[in-house]
Amino acid sequence: MRALAGALAAGASILAIAPASGADQADQIMRGQYQAVLGDCNGCHTRPGGRPLAGGLPLETPFGALVPPNITPDHATGIGNWSEADFHSMMKSGIGHDGVRLYPAMPYPAYTRMNEQDISDLWAYLTTVEPVSNKVEANQLPFPVNIRLAMWGWNLLNFTEQDFKPDPSRSAEWNRGAYIVQGAGHCGTCHTPKSVLGADEDSVFLQGASLQGWFAPDITNNAQSGLGKWSDEDLVAYLKTGVNGHSIASGPMAEAIENSTSKMTDPDLKAIAVYLRSLGKDTASAQAPRPEQARMVAGEAIYHDTCSACHGGDGAGAGALIPPLIGNAVVAQGNPETLARVVLAGSQAVHTASAPTTPAMPSLAWRLKDQEIADVLTYVRSSWGNAAPAVSPGDVAAVRKELLN
């Protein structure tokens, strides 16, 4: 009788444990789904209108095109034949299944800082995604950079596998923000200038870089070209909705907000803001030379005819509806690429749960010539306290040519 009671008790314990184990697995998958949000996996690995994570649009790099591959658990065309160890190796060292070396367009130089638990959680989630049969030719680089063995030398020169190292002198919130920005969020992949070999220039971390025809701006605390005039709340609002009293997201950043930052938790967004606004100096850069008076006069006339109805005669904008041009970090960047692109091509609205739609700007390429766009941008960048360099017609022509290709 005592043995039977013991057996029944043991059976009851097993039944009690089984649901908990299932709950633990479900929690891990949900944590992994959030890691995919932090890493913006959908942004790269899902084509517009395509199946989730089944392969993305080509990424144009200075060395040629790379296509984000299918990362669904399809056995023939995805990662269904990978092991968890393969996945860990890929995230930490850039070496995937069967020893294939990845290119850093897949940002393993940032992902290497992710901890083992977060990588395991992400793997657990990816194994639950619906498998999609979609063969992707990821490597479309020209010879000789299409030879993946070359990445052995690149890694030797430019990459160190490493874990994130918290700063004990900083708060837990700051360290959480640093962990996301440096790791899963891989912000430096877009916002940090690159060497001739395509590696991050750590000495100018997050101080702005050209990317696929856009200029990803300075996101340090620089008061002129960065976030020095933004509050934590301003930055949280921007990452959550794509708009605040200083700027409206466009291009790749609008996509990153829609796919990633708008879906992050408020505490994580605040942590990111605290970290980013601690970087660099809250001081303005050196003043750019004053443009020629003739160009300022021409630019002012074009501005009042074309831009002032929305942005105001004084460049103050209309709150969150129309961004101000005064103190706008995008306006103040040394590189005018993004400004020229927005004037030429317009900007699309950002759609997030918190802000279903944001304002958009129409294209003015049909109406304004390169010289006129250069003059009006020069005027905007040198008025109302702005002090960015003049824009040349050649700057605008280069962007126009790229848009036509």
Protein backbone atom coordinates (compact mmCIF):
# COMPACT_ATOMS: atom_id res chain seq x y z
CA MET A 1 0.00 0.00 0.00
CA ARG A 2 2.85 2.35 0.90
CA ALA A 3 4.55 1.48 -2.42
CA LEU A 4 1.35 2.25 -4.33
CA ALA A 5 1.01 5.58 -2.54
CA GLY A 6 4.63 6.38 -3.40
CA ALA A 7 4.04 5.52 -7.04
CA LEU A 8 0.93 7.67 -7.17
CA ALA A 9 2.82 10.55 -5.56
CA ALA A 10 5.64 10.19 -8.09
CA GLY A 11 3.13 10.12 -10.93
CA ALA A 12 1.47 13.24 -9.60
CA SER A 13 4.87 14.97 -9.46
CA ILE A 14 5.60 14.05 -13.08
CA LEU A 15 2.22 15.39 -14.18
CA ALA A 16 2.90 18.61 -12.29
CA ILE A 17 6.34 19.02 -13.88
CA ALA A 18 5.25 18.38 -17.49
CA PRO A 19 3.04 21.47 -17.89
CA ALA A 20 5.75 23.63 -16.29
CA SER A 21 8.26 22.35 -18.82
CA GLY A 22 5.89 23.22 -21.66
CA ALA A 23 5.36 26.65 -20.17
CA ASP A 24 9.12 27.16 -19.94
CA GLN A 25 9.48 26.28 -23.61
CA ALA A 26 6.70 28.67 -24.57
CA ASP A 27 8.37 31.43 -22.54
CA GLN A 28 11.66 30.77 -24.31
CA ILE A 29 10.02 31.00 -27.72
CA MET A 30 8.37 34.29 -26.75
CA ARG A 31 11.71 35.62 -25.50
CA GLY A 32 13.27 34.53 -28.79
CA GLN A 33 10.57 36.31 -30.77
CA TYR A 34 11.50 39.48 -28.91
CA GLN A 35 15.17 38.93 -29.73
CA ALA A 36 14.13 38.80 -33.39
CA VAL A 37 12.47 42.19 -32.86
CA LEU A 38 15.60 43.62 -31.25
CA GLY A 39 17.70 42.28 -34.13
CA ASP A 40 15.25 43.46 -36.82
CA CYS A 41 15.37 40.04 -38.46
CA ASN A 42 12.22 40.72 -40.47
CA GLY A 43 13.63 43.97 -41.81
CA CYS A 44 16.39 42.17 -43.71
CA HIS A 45 15.11 38.63 -44.21
CA THR A 46 11.54 39.37 -45.40
CA ARG A 47 10.87 40.86 -48.82
CA PRO A 48 7.98 43.34 -49.09
CA GLY A 49 4.95 41.15 -49.69
CA GLY A 50 7.03 38.01 -49.11
CA ARG A 51 6.73 35.21 -46.57
CA PRO A 52 8.20 35.99 -43.13
CA LEU A 53 11.97 35.37 -42.92
CA ALA A 54 12.07 33.54 -46.27
CA GLY A 55 14.70 35.84 -47.78
CA GLY A 56 15.00 39.58 -48.33
CA LEU A 57 15.85 42.27 -50.82
CA PRO A 58 19.46 42.64 -52.04
CA LEU A 59 21.71 44.73 -49.85
CA GLU A 60 23.90 46.98 -51.98
CA THR A 61 27.36 47.10 -50.44
CA PRO A 62 30.47 48.91 -51.78
CA PHE A 63 31.66 45.47 -52.90
CA GLY A 64 28.47 44.28 -54.62
CA ALA A 65 25.07 42.80 -53.78
CA LEU A 66 24.29 40.38 -50.97
CA VAL A 67 20.82 38.94 -50.44
CA PRO A 68 19.67 38.10 -46.90
CA PRO A 69 18.95 34.35 -47.00
CA ASN A 70 15.97 32.22 -46.06
CA ILE A 71 16.13 31.66 -42.28
CA THR A 72 12.93 29.66 -41.90
CA PRO A 73 13.37 26.01 -40.79
CA ASP A 74 12.91 24.67 -44.31
CA HIS A 75 15.34 21.75 -44.76
CA ALA A 76 16.14 22.32 -48.42
CA THR A 77 16.39 26.12 -48.68
CA GLY A 78 16.44 27.45 -45.12
CA ILE A 79 18.14 26.55 -41.83
CA GLY A 80 16.21 23.34 -41.18
CA ASN A 81 19.42 21.29 -41.38
CA TRP A 82 21.28 23.53 -38.96
CA SER A 83 21.93 22.56 -35.35
CA GLU A 84 21.71 24.96 -32.46
CA ALA A 85 25.52 24.78 -32.27
CA ASP A 86 25.70 25.92 -35.92
CA PHE A 87 23.48 28.87 -35.09
CA HIS A 88 25.52 29.84 -32.03
CA SER A 89 28.70 29.69 -34.07
CA MET A 90 27.21 31.88 -36.78
CA MET A 91 26.01 34.52 -34.30
CA LYS A 92 29.21 34.60 -32.25
CA SER A 93 31.90 34.05 -34.89
CA GLY A 94 30.36 34.52 -38.33
CA ILE A 95 30.91 30.85 -39.26
CA GLY A 96 27.70 28.97 -40.03
CA HIS A 97 26.55 25.51 -41.07
CA ASP A 98 29.26 23.36 -42.68
CA GLY A 99 31.87 25.97 -41.79
CA VAL A 100 30.59 28.56 -44.30
CA ARG A 101 32.00 32.00 -43.52
CA LEU A 102 29.49 34.85 -43.57
CA TYR A 103 30.01 38.40 -44.79
CA PRO A 104 29.58 41.15 -42.16
CA ALA A 105 26.49 42.48 -43.96
CA MET A 106 25.05 39.85 -41.61
CA PRO A 107 26.09 41.82 -38.53
CA TYR A 108 27.84 39.10 -36.54
CA PRO A 109 30.47 41.69 -35.43
CA ALA A 110 27.61 43.11 -33.32
CA TYR A 111 25.72 39.89 -32.58
CA THR A 112 28.87 38.41 -31.05
CA ARG A 113 28.12 40.55 -27.97
CA MET A 114 24.79 38.81 -27.39
CA ASN A 115 24.77 36.42 -24.45
CA GLU A 116 24.27 32.67 -24.83
CA GLN A 117 20.76 32.71 -23.39
CA ASP A 118 19.47 35.32 -25.82
CA ILE A 119 20.98 33.43 -28.77
CA SER A 120 19.41 30.18 -27.56
CA ASP A 121 16.06 31.91 -27.19
CA LEU A 122 16.31 33.31 -30.72
CA TRP A 123 17.12 29.85 -32.06
CA ALA A 124 14.14 28.36 -30.22
CA TYR A 125 11.88 30.92 -31.86
CA LEU A 126 13.27 30.43 -35.37
CA THR A 127 12.62 26.68 -35.16
CA THR A 128 8.91 27.46 -34.72
CA VAL A 129 8.59 29.75 -37.75
CA GLU A 130 6.59 28.33 -40.65
CA PRO A 131 9.05 26.65 -43.07
CA VAL A 132 9.09 28.23 -46.51
CA SER A 133 10.70 26.69 -49.59
CA ASN A 134 12.52 29.63 -51.15
CA LYS A 135 16.00 29.18 -52.55
CA VAL A 136 18.08 32.36 -52.24
CA GLU A 137 21.42 33.00 -53.91
CA ALA A 138 22.83 35.12 -51.10
CA ASN A 139 26.32 35.75 -52.47
CA GLN A 140 26.09 37.89 -55.60
CA LEU A 141 29.46 39.56 -55.16
CA PRO A 142 31.91 39.75 -58.08
CA PHE A 143 35.20 37.85 -58.18
CA PRO A 144 37.38 37.79 -56.10
CA VAL A 145 35.32 39.06 -53.13
CA ASN A 146 32.78 36.29 -53.76
CA ILE A 147 35.34 33.82 -52.38
CA ARG A 148 34.22 33.32 -48.81
CA LEU A 149 37.66 32.17 -47.68
CA ALA A 150 38.64 35.84 -47.95
CA MET A 151 36.58 36.41 -44.81
CA TRP A 152 39.20 34.49 -42.83
CA GLY A 153 41.62 37.34 -43.50
CA TRP A 154 38.93 39.99 -42.95
CA ASN A 155 38.08 38.55 -39.55
CA LEU A 156 41.76 38.35 -38.65
CA LEU A 157 42.13 42.07 -39.33
CA ASN A 158 38.76 43.43 -38.24
CA PHE A 159 36.87 41.10 -35.92
CA THR A 160 37.22 39.76 -32.40
CA GLU A 161 34.69 37.34 -30.96
CA GLN A 162 33.63 38.81 -27.63
CA ASP A 163 30.87 39.01 -25.06
CA PHE A 164 29.29 42.25 -23.94
CA LYS A 165 31.15 43.68 -20.96
CA PRO A 166 28.95 45.73 -18.61
CA ASP A 167 30.40 48.93 -17.19
CA PRO A 168 30.18 48.59 -13.39
CA SER A 169 30.37 52.37 -13.00
CA ARG A 170 27.12 52.80 -14.96
CA SER A 171 23.50 52.06 -14.10
CA ALA A 172 21.70 48.86 -15.02
CA GLU A 173 19.57 50.92 -17.43
CA TRP A 174 22.64 52.34 -19.21
CA ASN A 175 24.15 48.87 -19.51
CA ARG A 176 20.91 47.46 -20.92
CA GLY A 177 20.90 50.20 -23.53
CA ALA A 178 24.55 49.56 -24.38
CA TYR A 179 23.87 45.82 -24.68
CA ILE A 180 21.04 46.38 -27.18
CA VAL A 181 22.79 49.08 -29.23
CA GLN A 182 26.12 47.28 -29.43
CA GLY A 183 24.62 43.79 -29.77
CA ALA A 184 21.23 42.70 -31.11
CA GLY A 185 20.25 46.22 -32.25
CA HIS A 186 23.51 46.46 -34.29
CA CYS A 187 23.09 50.23 -34.62
CA GLY A 188 26.73 50.66 -35.62
CA THR A 189 26.17 48.59 -38.77
CA CYS A 190 24.44 51.61 -40.30
CA HIS A 191 25.50 54.58 -38.19
CA THR A 192 29.25 53.99 -37.80
CA PRO A 193 31.64 55.07 -40.61
CA LYS A 194 33.43 52.20 -42.35
CA SER A 195 37.04 51.59 -43.33
CA VAL A 196 38.06 50.78 -46.92
CA LEU A 197 37.55 47.11 -46.00
CA GLY A 198 34.04 47.73 -44.70
CA ALA A 199 34.85 47.42 -41.00
CA ASP A 200 33.47 49.76 -38.34
CA GLU A 201 35.71 52.71 -37.46
CA ASP A 202 35.38 52.41 -33.69
CA SER A 203 37.00 55.81 -33.07
CA VAL A 204 33.92 57.47 -34.62
CA PHE A 205 31.34 55.03 -33.28
CA LEU A 206 27.77 55.99 -34.33
CA GLN A 207 28.85 59.34 -35.81
CA GLY A 208 27.11 58.79 -39.16
CA ALA A 209 27.77 56.84 -42.38
CA SER A 210 26.52 56.48 -45.96
CA LEU A 211 24.29 53.47 -46.55
CA GLN A 212 22.54 52.40 -49.75
CA GLY A 213 22.03 55.95 -50.98
CA TRP A 214 21.14 57.39 -47.56
CA PHE A 215 23.22 58.98 -44.83
CA ALA A 216 22.57 57.30 -41.48
CA PRO A 217 23.05 60.30 -39.17
CA ASP A 218 25.18 60.91 -36.12
CA ILE A 219 23.31 59.43 -33.12
CA THR A 220 25.75 60.50 -30.43
CA ASN A 221 25.04 63.43 -28.11
CA ASN A 222 26.58 66.01 -30.43
CA ALA A 223 24.44 69.16 -30.11
CA GLN A 224 24.64 70.12 -33.78
CA SER A 225 24.61 66.94 -35.84
CA GLY A 226 23.49 64.42 -33.20
CA LEU A 227 21.00 64.04 -30.37
CA GLY A 228 22.31 66.76 -28.07
CA LYS A 229 19.11 68.82 -28.38
CA TRP A 230 16.84 65.82 -27.82
CA SER A 231 15.56 64.62 -24.45
CA ASP A 232 15.24 60.96 -23.53
CA GLU A 233 11.51 61.32 -24.12
CA ASP A 234 12.13 62.78 -27.60
CA LEU A 235 14.24 59.79 -28.57
CA VAL A 236 11.79 57.26 -27.14
CA ALA A 237 8.94 58.90 -29.08
CA TYR A 238 10.99 58.82 -32.30
CA LEU A 239 11.90 55.15 -31.92
CA LYS A 240 8.33 54.24 -31.03
CA THR A 241 6.46 56.24 -33.66
CA GLY A 242 8.97 57.56 -36.21
CA VAL A 243 8.20 61.18 -35.37
CA ASN A 244 8.86 63.74 -32.65
CA GLY A 245 9.25 67.52 -32.40
CA HIS A 246 12.67 67.37 -34.05
CA SER A 247 12.46 64.96 -36.96
CA ILE A 248 10.49 62.39 -38.96
CA ALA A 249 12.04 59.06 -39.93
CA SER A 250 12.60 58.22 -43.58
CA GLY A 251 14.27 55.56 -45.69
CA PRO A 252 15.95 52.63 -43.92
CA MET A 253 15.32 54.19 -40.50
CA ALA A 254 11.58 54.30 -41.14
CA GLU A 255 11.73 50.59 -41.98
CA ALA A 256 13.74 49.86 -38.82
CA ILE A 257 11.16 51.68 -36.72
CA GLU A 258 8.25 49.84 -38.34
CA ASN A 259 9.88 46.41 -38.05
CA SER A 260 11.87 46.74 -34.86
CA THR A 261 12.02 49.71 -32.49
CA SER A 262 8.27 50.40 -32.47
CA LYS A 263 7.80 46.86 -31.14
CA MET A 264 10.36 47.14 -28.34
CA THR A 265 9.29 47.59 -24.74
CA ASP A 266 9.22 51.08 -23.26
CA PRO A 267 11.94 50.23 -20.70
CA ASP A 268 14.24 49.05 -23.50
CA LEU A 269 13.59 52.19 -25.55
CA LYS A 270 14.37 54.32 -22.50
CA ALA A 271 17.56 52.34 -21.89
CA ILE A 272 18.63 52.92 -25.50
CA ALA A 273 17.97 56.65 -25.10
CA VAL A 274 19.97 56.85 -21.88
CA TYR A 275 22.92 55.07 -23.50
CA LEU A 276 22.96 56.99 -26.79
CA ARG A 277 22.67 60.36 -25.10
CA SER A 278 25.71 59.54 -22.98
CA LEU A 279 27.96 59.19 -26.04
CA GLY A 280 30.11 61.99 -27.42
CA LYS A 281 30.04 65.57 -26.28
CA ASP A 282 26.99 67.76 -25.88
CA THR A 283 28.72 70.52 -27.82
CA ALA A 284 28.31 71.87 -31.31
CA SER A 285 30.77 71.07 -34.07
CA ALA A 286 32.94 73.75 -35.64
CA GLN A 287 30.93 76.29 -37.62
CA ALA A 288 30.91 75.78 -41.38
CA PRO A 289 31.95 78.72 -43.58
CA ARG A 290 29.09 81.05 -44.47
CA PRO A 291 27.86 80.29 -48.04
CA GLU A 292 28.07 82.86 -50.84
CA GLN A 293 25.42 85.55 -50.46
CA ALA A 294 24.10 84.96 -53.98
CA ARG A 295 23.35 81.34 -53.16
CA MET A 296 21.62 82.30 -49.92
CA VAL A 297 19.42 84.80 -51.76
CA ALA A 298 18.53 82.25 -54.45
CA GLY A 299 17.89 79.55 -51.86
CA GLU A 300 15.69 81.81 -49.76
CA ALA A 301 13.48 82.63 -52.76
CA ILE A 302 13.07 78.94 -53.61
CA TYR A 303 12.35 78.11 -49.97
CA HIS A 304 9.58 80.68 -49.67
CA ASP A 305 7.99 79.58 -52.96
CA THR A 306 8.28 75.82 -52.38
CA CYS A 307 8.82 74.94 -48.72
CA SER A 308 7.51 77.65 -46.40
CA ALA A 309 3.84 76.72 -46.74
CA CYS A 310 4.55 73.52 -44.79
CA HIS A 311 7.76 74.17 -42.86
CA GLY A 312 7.00 77.81 -42.06
CA GLY A 313 8.80 80.96 -43.05
CA ASP A 314 11.03 80.56 -40.01
CA GLY A 315 11.67 76.81 -40.49
CA ALA A 316 9.79 75.97 -37.28
CA GLY A 317 7.52 73.35 -38.87
CA ALA A 318 4.28 72.27 -37.21
CA GLY A 319 5.14 70.08 -34.26
CA ALA A 320 4.81 66.36 -34.90
CA LEU A 321 2.85 67.02 -38.11
CA ILE A 322 5.67 68.66 -40.08
CA PRO A 323 9.23 68.50 -38.79
CA PRO A 324 11.10 71.69 -37.98
CA LEU A 325 14.20 72.54 -39.96
CA ILE A 326 15.65 74.49 -37.04
CA GLY A 327 18.07 72.32 -35.08
CA ASN A 328 17.08 69.24 -37.08
CA ALA A 329 19.95 66.75 -36.85
CA VAL A 330 19.29 65.44 -40.36
CA VAL A 331 19.61 68.98 -41.72
CA ALA A 332 22.87 69.46 -39.81
CA GLN A 333 24.77 66.39 -41.02
CA GLY A 334 28.04 67.02 -42.80
CA ASN A 335 26.84 64.74 -45.60
CA PRO A 336 23.68 66.11 -47.36
CA GLU A 337 22.83 62.77 -49.04
CA THR A 338 19.63 62.08 -47.10
CA LEU A 339 18.34 65.64 -47.46
CA ALA A 340 18.89 65.62 -51.22
CA ARG A 341 17.23 62.22 -51.50
CA VAL A 342 14.13 63.32 -49.57
CA VAL A 343 13.73 66.43 -51.74
CA LEU A 344 14.20 64.43 -54.93
CA ALA A 345 12.23 61.30 -54.06
CA GLY A 346 9.98 62.44 -51.24
CA SER A 347 9.45 60.42 -48.08
CA GLN A 348 6.91 57.77 -47.19
CA ALA A 349 4.78 57.70 -44.09
CA VAL A 350 5.82 55.49 -41.18
CA HIS A 351 3.19 53.03 -39.90
CA THR A 352 3.41 51.77 -36.31
CA ALA A 353 0.96 50.61 -33.69
CA SER A 354 1.49 53.80 -31.68
CA ALA A 355 1.21 56.09 -34.71
CA PRO A 356 -0.75 54.39 -37.53
CA THR A 357 0.59 56.94 -40.01
CA THR A 358 2.97 59.88 -40.08
CA PRO A 359 3.26 62.76 -42.56
CA ALA A 360 4.99 62.21 -45.88
CA MET A 361 6.75 64.61 -48.24
CA PRO A 362 6.13 64.71 -52.00
CA SER A 363 8.91 64.41 -54.56
CA LEU A 364 10.20 67.69 -55.99
CA ALA A 365 12.51 66.15 -58.59
CA TRP A 366 10.13 67.10 -61.40
CA ARG A 367 10.02 70.73 -60.34
CA LEU A 368 13.49 71.70 -59.15
CA LYS A 369 16.82 71.44 -60.97
CA ASP A 370 19.99 70.28 -59.26
CA GLN A 371 21.25 73.86 -58.80
CA GLU A 372 17.93 74.94 -57.29
CA ILE A 373 17.87 72.02 -54.84
CA ALA A 374 21.49 72.70 -53.90
CA ASP A 375 20.68 76.38 -53.27
CA VAL A 376 17.58 75.77 -51.17
CA LEU A 377 19.34 73.09 -49.08
CA THR A 378 22.31 75.41 -48.62
CA TYR A 379 19.92 78.11 -47.42
CA VAL A 380 18.15 75.75 -44.99
CA ARG A 381 21.45 74.40 -43.65
CA SER A 382 22.75 77.93 -42.96
CA SER A 383 19.63 79.66 -41.57
CA TRP A 384 17.89 79.98 -38.20
CA GLY A 385 21.02 78.97 -36.30
CA ASN A 386 21.85 75.97 -38.51
CA ALA A 387 25.50 75.89 -39.53
CA ALA A 388 26.10 72.95 -41.89
CA PRO A 389 28.26 73.04 -45.04
CA ALA A 390 26.92 74.26 -48.37
CA VAL A 391 25.47 71.72 -50.83
CA SER A 392 26.83 71.57 -54.37
CA PRO A 393 24.82 70.80 -57.52
CA GLY A 394 27.12 67.80 -57.95
CA ASP A 395 25.96 66.41 -54.58
CA VAL A 396 22.36 66.57 -55.79
CA ALA A 397 23.18 65.23 -59.25
CA ALA A 398 24.85 62.16 -57.75
CA VAL A 399 21.73 61.33 -55.73
CA ARG A 400 19.44 61.96 -58.71
CA LYS A 401 21.54 59.63 -60.88
CA GLU A 402 21.39 56.91 -58.24
CA LEU A 403 17.61 57.23 -57.99
CA LEU A 404 17.29 56.86 -61.77
CA ASN A 405 19.39 53.66 -61.86
